[in-house]
C-alpha atoms as a PDB file:
ATOM      1  CA  MET A   1      20.377 -63.049 -49.073  1.00  0.00           C
ATOM      2  CA  ARG A   2      17.378 -61.236 -47.552  1.00  0.00           C
ATOM      3  CA  GLY A   3      19.503 -58.213 -46.657  1.00  0.00           C
ATOM      4  CA  PHE A   4      20.821 -58.095 -50.205  1.00  0.00           C
ATOM      5  CA  ALA A   5      17.325 -58.304 -51.661  1.00  0.00           C
ATOM      6  CA  GLU A   6      16.015 -55.556 -49.414  1.00  0.00           C
ATOM      7  CA  SER A   7      18.817 -53.276 -50.573  1.00  0.00           C
ATOM      8  CA  LEU A   8      17.708 -53.439 -54.197  1.00  0.00           C
ATOM      9  CA  ILE A   9      16.154 -50.344 -55.681  1.00  0.00           C
ATOM     10  CA  GLU A  10      12.430 -50.272 -56.273  1.00  0.00           C
ATOM     11  CA  ARG A  11      11.052 -51.565 -59.569  1.00  0.00           C
ATOM     12  CA  PRO A  12      11.035 -48.780 -62.180  1.00  0.00           C
ATOM     13  CA  GLN A  13       7.571 -47.477 -62.958  1.00  0.00           C
ATOM     14  CA  THR A  14       6.017 -48.204 -66.321  1.00  0.00           C
ATOM     15  CA  VAL A  15       4.907 -45.339 -68.550  1.00  0.00           C
ATOM     16  CA  ALA A  16       1.294 -46.146 -67.683  1.00  0.00           C
ATOM     17  CA  GLU A  17       2.058 -45.938 -63.947  1.00  0.00           C
ATOM     18  CA  GLN A  18       3.796 -42.590 -64.409  1.00  0.00           C
ATOM     19  CA  VAL A  19       0.815 -41.221 -66.339  1.00  0.00           C
ATOM     20  CA  ALA A  20      -1.588 -42.590 -63.729  1.00  0.00           C
ATOM     21  CA  ASN A  21       0.388 -40.879 -60.963  1.00  0.00           C
ATOM     22  CA  VAL A  22       0.228 -37.506 -62.712  1.00  0.00           C
ATOM     23  CA  LEU A  23      -3.492 -37.809 -63.439  1.00  0.00           C
ATOM     24  CA  ARG A  24      -4.249 -39.063 -59.918  1.00  0.00           C
ATOM     25  CA  GLU A  25      -2.495 -36.058 -58.404  1.00  0.00           C
ATOM     26  CA  ALA A  26      -4.314 -33.655 -60.734  1.00  0.00           C
ATOM     27  CA  ILE A  27      -7.664 -35.194 -59.782  1.00  0.00           C
ATOM     28  CA  ALA A  28      -6.915 -35.279 -56.050  1.00  0.00           C
ATOM     29  CA  SER A  29      -5.777 -31.651 -56.064  1.00  0.00           C
ATOM     30  CA  GLY A  30      -8.826 -30.501 -58.007  1.00  0.00           C
ATOM     31  CA  THR A  31      -6.859 -29.422 -61.106  1.00  0.00           C
ATOM     32  CA  LEU A  32      -8.931 -31.961 -63.035  1.00  0.00           C
ATOM     33  CA  ARG A  33     -12.446 -31.518 -61.685  1.00  0.00           C
ATOM     34  CA  ALA A  34     -15.189 -34.128 -61.407  1.00  0.00           C
ATOM     35  CA  GLY A  35     -16.854 -34.738 -64.771  1.00  0.00           C
ATOM     36  CA  THR A  36     -13.851 -33.567 -66.829  1.00  0.00           C
ATOM     37  CA  ALA A  37     -13.442 -35.586 -70.032  1.00  0.00           C
ATOM     38  CA  LEU A  38     -10.157 -37.495 -70.331  1.00  0.00           C
ATOM     39  CA  ARG A  39      -9.632 -38.003 -74.059  1.00  0.00           C
ATOM     40  CA  GLN A  40      -6.918 -40.470 -74.964  1.00  0.00           C
ATOM     41  CA  ASP A  41      -5.759 -38.588 -78.069  1.00  0.00           C
ATOM     42  CA  GLU A  42      -5.386 -35.308 -76.181  1.00  0.00           C
ATOM     43  CA  LEU A  43      -3.615 -36.945 -73.254  1.00  0.00           C
ATOM     44  CA  ALA A  44      -1.280 -38.846 -75.571  1.00  0.00           C
ATOM     45  CA  GLU A  45      -0.315 -35.562 -77.225  1.00  0.00           C
ATOM     46  CA  GLN A  46       0.162 -33.766 -73.896  1.00  0.00           C
ATOM     47  CA  PHE A  47       2.298 -36.521 -72.395  1.00  0.00           C
ATOM     48  CA  GLY A  48       4.129 -37.317 -75.604  1.00  0.00           C
ATOM     49  CA  PHE A  49       3.315 -41.036 -75.494  1.00  0.00           C
ATOM     50  CA  SER A  50       1.239 -43.409 -77.588  1.00  0.00           C
ATOM     51  CA  ARG A  51      -2.399 -44.097 -76.718  1.00  0.00           C
ATOM     52  CA  MET A  52      -1.656 -47.530 -75.250  1.00  0.00           C
ATOM     53  CA  PRO A  53      -0.053 -46.407 -71.933  1.00  0.00           C
ATOM     54  CA  ILE A  54      -2.696 -43.664 -71.661  1.00  0.00           C
ATOM     55  CA  ARG A  55      -5.426 -46.268 -71.990  1.00  0.00           C
ATOM     56  CA  ASP A  56      -3.708 -48.506 -69.418  1.00  0.00           C
ATOM     57  CA  ALA A  57      -3.358 -45.568 -67.005  1.00  0.00           C
ATOM     58  CA  LEU A  58      -7.062 -44.730 -67.332  1.00  0.00           C
ATOM     59  CA  ARG A  59      -7.972 -48.371 -66.698  1.00  0.00           C
ATOM     60  CA  GLN A  60      -5.811 -48.343 -63.582  1.00  0.00           C
ATOM     61  CA  LEU A  61      -7.540 -45.200 -62.312  1.00  0.00           C
ATOM     62  CA  GLU A  62     -10.930 -46.710 -63.158  1.00  0.00           C
ATOM     63  CA  ALA A  63     -10.073 -49.704 -60.956  1.00  0.00           C
ATOM     64  CA  GLU A  64      -9.293 -47.251 -58.138  1.00  0.00           C
ATOM     65  CA  GLY A  65     -12.662 -45.532 -58.593  1.00  0.00           C
ATOM     66  CA  ILE A  66     -11.098 -42.226 -59.627  1.00  0.00           C
ATOM     67  CA  VAL A  67     -12.043 -42.380 -63.320  1.00  0.00           C
ATOM     68  CA  SER A  68     -15.293 -43.507 -64.918  1.00  0.00           C
ATOM     69  CA  ILE A  69     -15.135 -45.080 -68.383  1.00  0.00           C
ATOM     70  CA  HIS A  70     -18.298 -45.321 -70.515  1.00  0.00           C
ATOM     71  CA  PRO A  71     -18.399 -47.546 -73.622  1.00  0.00           C
ATOM     72  CA  THR A  72     -19.557 -44.683 -75.861  1.00  0.00           C
ATOM     73  CA  LYS A  73     -18.826 -41.494 -73.892  1.00  0.00           C
ATOM     74  CA  GLY A  74     -15.232 -42.339 -73.010  1.00  0.00           C
ATOM     75  CA  ALA A  75     -13.383 -41.559 -69.775  1.00  0.00           C
ATOM     76  CA  HIS A  76     -14.269 -38.852 -67.277  1.00  0.00           C
ATOM     77  CA  VAL A  77     -13.083 -37.891 -63.819  1.00  0.00           C
ATOM     78  CA  ALA A  78     -15.477 -39.706 -61.483  1.00  0.00           C
ATOM     79  CA  ARG A  79     -17.934 -37.529 -59.636  1.00  0.00           C
ATOM     80  CA  MET A  80     -17.859 -37.382 -55.864  1.00  0.00           C
ATOM     81  CA  ASP A  81     -20.530 -39.625 -54.480  1.00  0.00           C
ATOM     82  CA  GLY A  82     -21.601 -40.548 -50.965  1.00  0.00           C
ATOM     83  CA  ALA A  83     -22.165 -44.185 -51.917  1.00  0.00           C
ATOM     84  CA  GLU A  84     -18.644 -44.421 -53.346  1.00  0.00           C
ATOM     85  CA  ILE A  85     -17.179 -42.966 -50.159  1.00  0.00           C
ATOM     86  CA  SER A  86     -19.076 -45.501 -48.057  1.00  0.00           C
ATOM     87  CA  GLU A  87     -17.863 -48.361 -50.260  1.00  0.00           C
ATOM     88  CA  ILE A  88     -14.218 -47.265 -50.221  1.00  0.00           C
ATOM     89  CA  TYR A  89     -14.146 -46.787 -46.479  1.00  0.00           C
ATOM     90  CA  ALA A  90     -16.001 -50.050 -45.811  1.00  0.00           C
ATOM     91  CA  VAL A  91     -13.354 -51.933 -47.791  1.00  0.00           C
ATOM     92  CA  ARG A  92     -10.578 -49.963 -46.085  1.00  0.00           C
ATOM     93  CA  GLU A  93     -11.999 -50.936 -42.708  1.00  0.00           C
ATOM     94  CA  LEU A  94     -11.989 -54.643 -43.578  1.00  0.00           C
ATOM     95  CA  LEU A  95      -8.495 -54.622 -45.056  1.00  0.00           C
ATOM     96  CA  GLU A  96      -6.757 -52.261 -42.655  1.00  0.00           C
ATOM     97  CA  CYS A  97      -8.170 -53.652 -39.426  1.00  0.00           C
ATOM     98  CA  GLU A  98      -6.967 -57.112 -40.422  1.00  0.00           C
ATOM     99  CA  ALA A  99      -3.556 -55.789 -41.464  1.00  0.00           C
ATOM    100  CA  LEU A 100      -3.189 -53.906 -38.179  1.00  0.00           C
ATOM    101  CA  ARG A 101      -4.238 -56.965 -36.156  1.00  0.00           C
ATOM    102  CA  LEU A 102      -1.535 -59.019 -37.861  1.00  0.00           C
ATOM    103  CA  SER A 103       1.071 -56.274 -37.739  1.00  0.00           C
ATOM    104  CA  VAL A 104       0.994 -54.955 -34.152  1.00  0.00           C
ATOM    105  CA  PRO A 105       2.755 -57.905 -32.463  1.00  0.00           C
ATOM    106  CA  ALA A 106       5.672 -57.687 -34.921  1.00  0.00           C
ATOM    107  CA  LEU A 107       5.937 -53.919 -35.381  1.00  0.00           C
ATOM    108  CA  SER A 108       9.486 -52.618 -35.011  1.00  0.00           C
ATOM    109  CA  ASP A 109      10.326 -49.436 -33.135  1.00  0.00           C
ATOM    110  CA  GLY A 110      11.693 -48.112 -36.417  1.00  0.00           C
ATOM    111  CA  LYS A 111       8.316 -48.406 -38.149  1.00  0.00           C
ATOM    112  CA  LEU A 112       6.547 -46.857 -35.173  1.00  0.00           C
ATOM    113  CA  ASP A 113       9.005 -43.957 -35.301  1.00  0.00           C
ATOM    114  CA  GLU A 114       8.372 -43.655 -39.063  1.00  0.00           C
ATOM    115  CA  ALA A 115       4.647 -43.407 -38.379  1.00  0.00           C
ATOM    116  CA  GLU A 116       5.257 -40.710 -35.761  1.00  0.00           C
ATOM    117  CA  GLN A 117       7.442 -38.730 -38.168  1.00  0.00           C
ATOM    118  CA  ALA A 118       4.603 -38.781 -40.717  1.00  0.00           C
ATOM    119  CA  LEU A 119       2.261 -37.291 -38.097  1.00  0.00           C
ATOM    120  CA  ASP A 120       4.786 -34.585 -37.240  1.00  0.00           C
ATOM    121  CA  GLN A 121       5.058 -33.733 -40.937  1.00  0.00           C
ATOM    122  CA  ILE A 122       1.267 -33.479 -41.264  1.00  0.00           C
ATOM    123  CA  ASP A 123       1.236 -31.032 -38.338  1.00  0.00           C
ATOM    124  CA  ALA A 124       3.930 -28.902 -39.972  1.00  0.00           C
ATOM    125  CA  GLU A 125       2.863 -29.233 -43.625  1.00  0.00           C
ATOM    126  CA  ARG A 126       0.898 -26.314 -45.065  1.00  0.00           C
ATOM    127  CA  ASN A 127       0.590 -27.797 -48.547  1.00  0.00           C
ATOM    128  CA  VAL A 128      -2.745 -29.648 -48.570  1.00  0.00           C
ATOM    129  CA  GLY A 129      -1.514 -31.655 -51.531  1.00  0.00           C
ATOM    130  CA  ARG A 130       0.941 -33.473 -49.263  1.00  0.00           C
ATOM    131  CA  TRP A 131      -1.549 -34.469 -46.575  1.00  0.00           C
ATOM    132  CA  GLY A 132      -2.973 -37.467 -48.428  1.00  0.00           C
ATOM    133  CA  ALA A 133       0.462 -38.973 -49.076  1.00  0.00           C
ATOM    134  CA  LEU A 134       1.582 -38.408 -45.476  1.00  0.00           C
ATOM    135  CA  ASN A 135      -1.637 -39.925 -44.177  1.00  0.00           C
ATOM    136  CA  ARG A 136      -0.977 -42.973 -46.354  1.00  0.00           C
ATOM    137  CA  THR A 137       2.604 -43.226 -45.064  1.00  0.00           C
ATOM    138  CA  PHE A 138       1.370 -43.162 -41.468  1.00  0.00           C
ATOM    139  CA  HIS A 139      -1.143 -45.946 -41.973  1.00  0.00           C
ATOM    140  CA  LEU A 140       1.075 -48.189 -44.090  1.00  0.00           C
ATOM    141  CA  SER A 141       3.895 -47.881 -41.549  1.00  0.00           C
ATOM    142  CA  LEU A 142       1.602 -49.425 -38.948  1.00  0.00           C
ATOM    143  CA  TYR A 143       0.568 -52.261 -41.277  1.00  0.00           C
ATOM    144  CA  HIS A 144       4.098 -52.970 -42.519  1.00  0.00           C
ATOM    145  CA  ALA A 145       4.668 -56.047 -40.353  1.00  0.00           C
ATOM    146  CA  CYS A 146       1.431 -57.849 -41.295  1.00  0.00           C
ATOM    147  CA  GLY A 147       3.424 -60.292 -43.451  1.00  0.00           C
ATOM    148  CA  ASN A 148       1.057 -60.147 -46.431  1.00  0.00           C
ATOM    149  CA  GLN A 149       2.214 -58.122 -49.421  1.00  0.00           C
ATOM    150  CA  ARG A 150      -1.005 -58.692 -51.361  1.00  0.00           C
ATOM    151  CA  LEU A 151      -2.996 -57.261 -48.485  1.00  0.00           C
ATOM    152  CA  LEU A 152      -0.714 -54.214 -48.362  1.00  0.00           C
ATOM    153  CA  GLY A 153      -1.112 -53.753 -52.111  1.00  0.00           C
ATOM    154  CA  LEU A 154      -4.905 -53.749 -51.827  1.00  0.00           C
ATOM    155  CA  ILE A 155      -4.733 -51.270 -48.964  1.00  0.00           C
ATOM    156  CA  GLU A 156      -2.509 -48.909 -50.940  1.00  0.00           C
ATOM    157  CA  ALA A 157      -4.884 -49.073 -53.930  1.00  0.00           C
ATOM    158  CA  HIS A 158      -7.825 -48.064 -51.746  1.00  0.00           C
ATOM    159  CA  HIS A 159      -5.801 -45.260 -50.178  1.00  0.00           C
ATOM    160  CA  ASN A 160      -5.204 -43.986 -53.711  1.00  0.00           C
ATOM    161  CA  ALA A 161      -8.938 -44.152 -54.407  1.00  0.00           C
ATOM    162  CA  ALA A 162      -9.667 -42.274 -51.170  1.00  0.00           C
ATOM    163  CA  ASP A 163      -6.941 -39.648 -51.610  1.00  0.00           C
ATOM    164  CA  ARG A 164      -9.065 -36.741 -52.812  1.00  0.00           C
ATOM    165  CA  TYR A 165     -11.654 -37.491 -50.134  1.00  0.00           C
ATOM    166  CA  VAL A 166      -8.952 -37.556 -47.455  1.00  0.00           C
ATOM    167  CA  ARG A 167      -7.708 -34.149 -48.587  1.00  0.00           C
ATOM    168  CA  ILE A 168     -11.217 -32.726 -48.432  1.00  0.00           C
ATOM    169  CA  LEU A 169     -11.774 -34.264 -45.015  1.00  0.00           C
ATOM    170  CA  LEU A 170      -8.539 -32.777 -43.645  1.00  0.00           C
ATOM    171  CA  SER A 171      -8.857 -29.342 -45.253  1.00  0.00           C
ATOM    172  CA  ASN A 172     -12.323 -28.260 -46.431  1.00  0.00           C
ATOM    173  CA  LEU A 173     -14.022 -29.819 -43.417  1.00  0.00           C
ATOM    174  CA  ASP A 174     -11.316 -28.671 -40.972  1.00  0.00           C
ATOM    175  CA  TYR A 175     -10.945 -32.231 -39.689  1.00  0.00           C
ATOM    176  CA  ARG A 176      -7.169 -32.303 -39.346  1.00  0.00           C
ATOM    177  CA  THR A 177      -6.976 -31.601 -35.593  1.00  0.00           C
ATOM    178  CA  ARG A 178      -9.460 -34.363 -34.793  1.00  0.00           C
ATOM    179  CA  SER A 179      -7.857 -36.797 -37.233  1.00  0.00           C
ATOM    180  CA  GLN A 180      -4.387 -36.164 -35.829  1.00  0.00           C
ATOM    181  CA  ALA A 181      -5.578 -36.719 -32.257  1.00  0.00           C
ATOM    182  CA  GLU A 182      -7.040 -40.069 -33.335  1.00  0.00           C
ATOM    183  CA  HIS A 183      -3.832 -40.931 -35.182  1.00  0.00           C
ATOM    184  CA  ARG A 184      -1.689 -40.236 -32.123  1.00  0.00           C
ATOM    185  CA  ASP A 185      -4.019 -42.266 -29.929  1.00  0.00           C
ATOM    186  CA  LEU A 186      -3.708 -45.135 -32.397  1.00  0.00           C
ATOM    187  CA  LEU A 187       0.085 -44.837 -32.478  1.00  0.00           C
ATOM    188  CA  ALA A 188       0.368 -44.802 -28.679  1.00  0.00           C
ATOM    189  CA  THR A 189      -1.791 -47.910 -28.487  1.00  0.00           C
ATOM    190  CA  CYS A 190       0.392 -49.663 -31.062  1.00  0.00           C
ATOM    191  CA  ARG A 191       3.496 -48.763 -29.041  1.00  0.00           C
ATOM    192  CA  ARG A 192       1.912 -50.548 -26.083  1.00  0.00           C
ATOM    193  CA  ARG A 193       1.340 -53.531 -28.425  1.00  0.00           C
ATOM    194  CA  ASP A 194      -2.354 -53.543 -27.528  1.00  0.00           C
ATOM    195  CA  GLY A 195      -3.582 -54.947 -30.820  1.00  0.00           C
ATOM    196  CA  LYS A 196      -7.225 -55.342 -29.832  1.00  0.00           C
ATOM    197  CA  LYS A 197      -7.550 -51.725 -28.680  1.00  0.00           C
ATOM    198  CA  ALA A 198      -5.609 -50.460 -31.716  1.00  0.00           C
ATOM    199  CA  VAL A 199      -7.999 -52.206 -34.111  1.00  0.00           C
ATOM    200  CA  SER A 200     -10.959 -50.701 -32.249  1.00  0.00           C
ATOM    201  CA  ILE A 201      -9.490 -47.182 -32.540  1.00  0.00           C
ATOM    202  CA  LEU A 202      -8.742 -47.654 -36.242  1.00  0.00           C
ATOM    203  CA  ARG A 203     -12.235 -48.958 -36.997  1.00  0.00           C
ATOM    204  CA  GLN A 204     -13.852 -45.982 -35.267  1.00  0.00           C
ATOM    205  CA  HIS A 205     -11.445 -43.565 -36.986  1.00  0.00           C
ATOM    206  CA  LEU A 206     -12.364 -44.853 -40.455  1.00  0.00           C
ATOM    207  CA  ARG A 207     -16.098 -44.986 -39.768  1.00  0.00           C
ATOM    208  CA  GLU A 208     -16.262 -41.441 -38.435  1.00  0.00           C
ATOM    209  CA  GLY A 209     -14.238 -40.111 -41.360  1.00  0.00           C
ATOM    210  CA  SER A 210     -16.566 -41.817 -43.817  1.00  0.00           C
ATOM    211  CA  GLU A 211     -19.694 -40.592 -42.049  1.00  0.00           C
ATOM    212  CA  THR A 212     -18.409 -37.007 -41.962  1.00  0.00           C
ATOM    213  CA  LEU A 213     -17.721 -37.000 -45.708  1.00  0.00           C
ATOM    214  CA  VAL A 214     -21.039 -38.600 -46.636  1.00  0.00           C
ATOM    215  CA  LYS A 215     -23.002 -36.140 -44.511  1.00  0.00           C
ATOM    216  CA  ALA A 216     -21.117 -33.216 -46.053  1.00  0.00           C
ATOM    217  CA  ILE A 217     -21.892 -34.323 -49.601  1.00  0.00           C
ATOM    218  CA  GLU A 218     -25.499 -35.312 -49.008  1.00  0.00           C
ATOM    219  CA  GLY A 219     -26.108 -32.158 -46.980  1.00  0.00           C
ATOM    220  CA  GLY A 220     -24.653 -29.909 -49.648  1.00  0.00           C
ATOM    221  CA  GLY A 221     -21.548 -29.064 -47.636  1.00  0.00           C
ATOM    222  CA  LEU A 222     -19.441 -30.229 -50.545  1.00  0.00           C
ATOM    223  CA  SER A 223     -20.199 -29.857 -54.207  1.00  0.00           C
ATOM    224  CA  ARG A 224     -20.434 -33.115 -56.129  1.00  0.00           C
ATOM    225  CA  LYS A 225     -18.507 -31.346 -58.845  1.00  0.00           C
ATOM    226  CA  SER A 226     -15.702 -30.084 -56.612  1.00  0.00           C
END
């Protein structure tokens, strides 16, 4: 029965999820810049849907920290903020270190190979827009065997919230070489099934990424409106 269930296709996305995906990508890529107004009527006309799924999509993005919704001013693309980065990465550290701790003993060679393939793709990929998704694939492959779907869902939501920051970290700050070295160190440690060391590497990786971004924003290295 389990094999049959695992062979089922993924649940179709709702209209709101499809809209959220498009808007999230536009925000992460910089097409929709920080502070841009997101008017429901205009978006409904552009997408060709009613206002209801647009509103639901904006609420979803608000929960991810990507969109800010004001009672009277409406929705806007959230501005980049050092405090937000610190909060997102602090939550990621809590969630992902626990998921990795649970996952390492049960990780299959297939999932480890999947993680390695994601790293190879990052090395070869020139399109910055793909780096965030590949980074997410790498991390989630390592957490796959944690045995807690709710935990994985929370992790994915915070990866979505961090996506534009990850892209900036890997491209604007020329952090990709360092990040990839840390990723490969983490992967090698997971292959040895050294869970304690793997968690330590992951924690340091997330903290240093967060600190680099915060320093760049607060030091003027990145525009808060970029």
